[in-house]
Amino acid sequence: MGDKKLLFQSEDLNSPGELAKFLRQLADGLDKQQVTLKQGEQEITFDLPNQLKLEVDVDEKKKKGGRKLSLEVELDWLEGQSQDELSIS
């Protein structure tokens, strides 16, 4: 198994409207098969293949005073693979 390296990280509190705007911009990048992420001095641009693996999870954690819910959307791909070669495990 290969080493994992964090290339970009962002975590902020946002309104639903601000998050919707970000997701629309991300969707535009997906359409163009190139995404750029920026925050402060951090910036990363990457090209996307014709096929991506999509994983969506909704989790619940019980905490004092209630429960915490999270929605995670994850896209996976192998760099340099064409759509015919896609194999993600």
Protein backbone atom coordinates (compact mmCIF):
# COMPACT_ATOMS: atom_id res chain seq x y z
CA MET A 1 0.00 0.00 0.00
CA GLY A 2 1.35 3.45 -0.91
CA ASP A 3 2.07 6.38 1.32
CA LYS A 4 -0.63 8.98 1.82
CA LYS A 5 0.34 12.66 1.46
CA LEU A 6 -2.02 15.58 2.19
CA LEU A 7 -1.88 17.97 -0.79
CA PHE A 8 -4.56 20.48 0.31
CA GLN A 9 -6.83 20.97 3.30
CA SER A 10 -9.55 23.46 4.09
CA GLU A 11 -12.06 23.57 6.92
CA ASP A 12 -14.33 26.57 7.51
CA LEU A 13 -17.77 27.40 8.81
CA ASN A 14 -20.02 28.54 5.94
CA SER A 15 -23.68 29.23 5.33
CA PRO A 16 -25.63 26.81 3.14
CA GLY A 17 -25.63 29.49 0.41
CA GLU A 18 -21.82 29.84 0.52
CA LEU A 19 -21.43 26.05 0.36
CA ALA A 20 -23.81 25.87 -2.60
CA LYS A 21 -21.70 28.47 -4.42
CA PHE A 22 -18.52 26.45 -3.77
CA LEU A 23 -20.18 23.23 -4.98
CA ARG A 24 -21.37 24.98 -8.16
CA GLN A 25 -17.80 26.17 -8.84
CA LEU A 26 -16.54 22.64 -8.18
CA ALA A 27 -19.17 21.25 -10.58
CA ASP A 28 -18.01 23.71 -13.26
CA GLY A 29 -14.45 22.41 -12.80
CA LEU A 30 -15.67 18.82 -13.04
CA ASP A 31 -17.38 19.66 -16.35
CA LYS A 32 -14.06 21.04 -17.65
CA GLN A 33 -12.10 18.11 -16.11
CA GLN A 34 -9.83 20.54 -14.26
CA VAL A 35 -10.27 21.75 -10.69
CA THR A 36 -8.40 24.49 -8.82
CA LEU A 37 -8.72 24.80 -5.05
CA LYS A 38 -7.49 27.93 -3.25
CA GLN A 39 -7.38 29.14 0.32
CA GLY A 40 -5.01 31.88 1.39
CA GLU A 41 -1.56 30.99 0.05
CA GLN A 42 -2.58 27.39 -0.65
CA GLU A 43 -3.52 26.52 -4.23
CA ILE A 44 -3.69 23.26 -6.13
CA THR A 45 -4.85 22.54 -9.69
CA PHE A 46 -5.39 19.05 -11.03
CA ASP A 47 -6.75 17.45 -14.19
CA LEU A 48 -9.45 14.80 -14.00
CA PRO A 49 -9.93 11.65 -16.10
CA ASN A 50 -13.13 10.78 -17.97
CA GLN A 51 -14.38 8.57 -15.11
CA LEU A 52 -14.32 9.18 -11.35
CA LYS A 53 -15.42 6.99 -8.46
CA LEU A 54 -18.05 8.77 -6.32
CA GLU A 55 -18.61 7.84 -2.69
CA VAL A 56 -21.25 9.53 -0.52
CA ASP A 57 -21.50 8.84 3.22
CA VAL A 58 -23.82 10.22 5.89
CA ASP A 59 -22.64 9.50 9.42
CA GLU A 60 -24.12 10.06 12.85
CA LYS A 61 -22.17 10.46 16.10
CA LYS A 62 -23.92 10.73 19.42
CA LYS A 63 -22.58 13.56 21.55
CA LYS A 64 -23.58 15.20 24.79
CA GLY A 65 -26.57 17.40 24.05
CA GLY A 66 -27.53 15.70 20.79
CA ARG A 67 -26.06 14.05 17.75
CA LYS A 68 -23.58 15.20 15.15
CA LEU A 69 -24.34 14.45 11.50
CA SER A 70 -21.85 14.62 8.66
CA LEU A 71 -22.20 14.35 4.90
CA GLU A 72 -19.04 13.37 3.04
CA VAL A 73 -18.64 13.43 -0.74
CA GLU A 74 -15.45 11.80 -1.99
CA LEU A 75 -14.14 11.55 -5.55
CA ASP A 76 -11.36 9.05 -6.32
CA TRP A 77 -9.28 8.43 -9.42
CA LEU A 78 -5.87 7.17 -10.41
CA GLU A 79 -3.69 9.82 -12.01
CA GLY A 80 -2.79 9.13 -15.62
CA GLN A 81 -5.41 6.43 -16.24
CA SER A 82 -7.82 6.66 -19.12
CA GLN A 83 -11.49 5.80 -18.77
CA ASP A 84 -10.83 2.30 -20.17
CA GLU A 85 -8.16 1.59 -17.54
CA LEU A 86 -10.10 2.87 -14.51
CA SER A 87 -9.64 0.57 -11.54
CA ILE A 88 -9.94 2.01 -8.06
CA SER A 89 -9.94 -0.08 -4.91
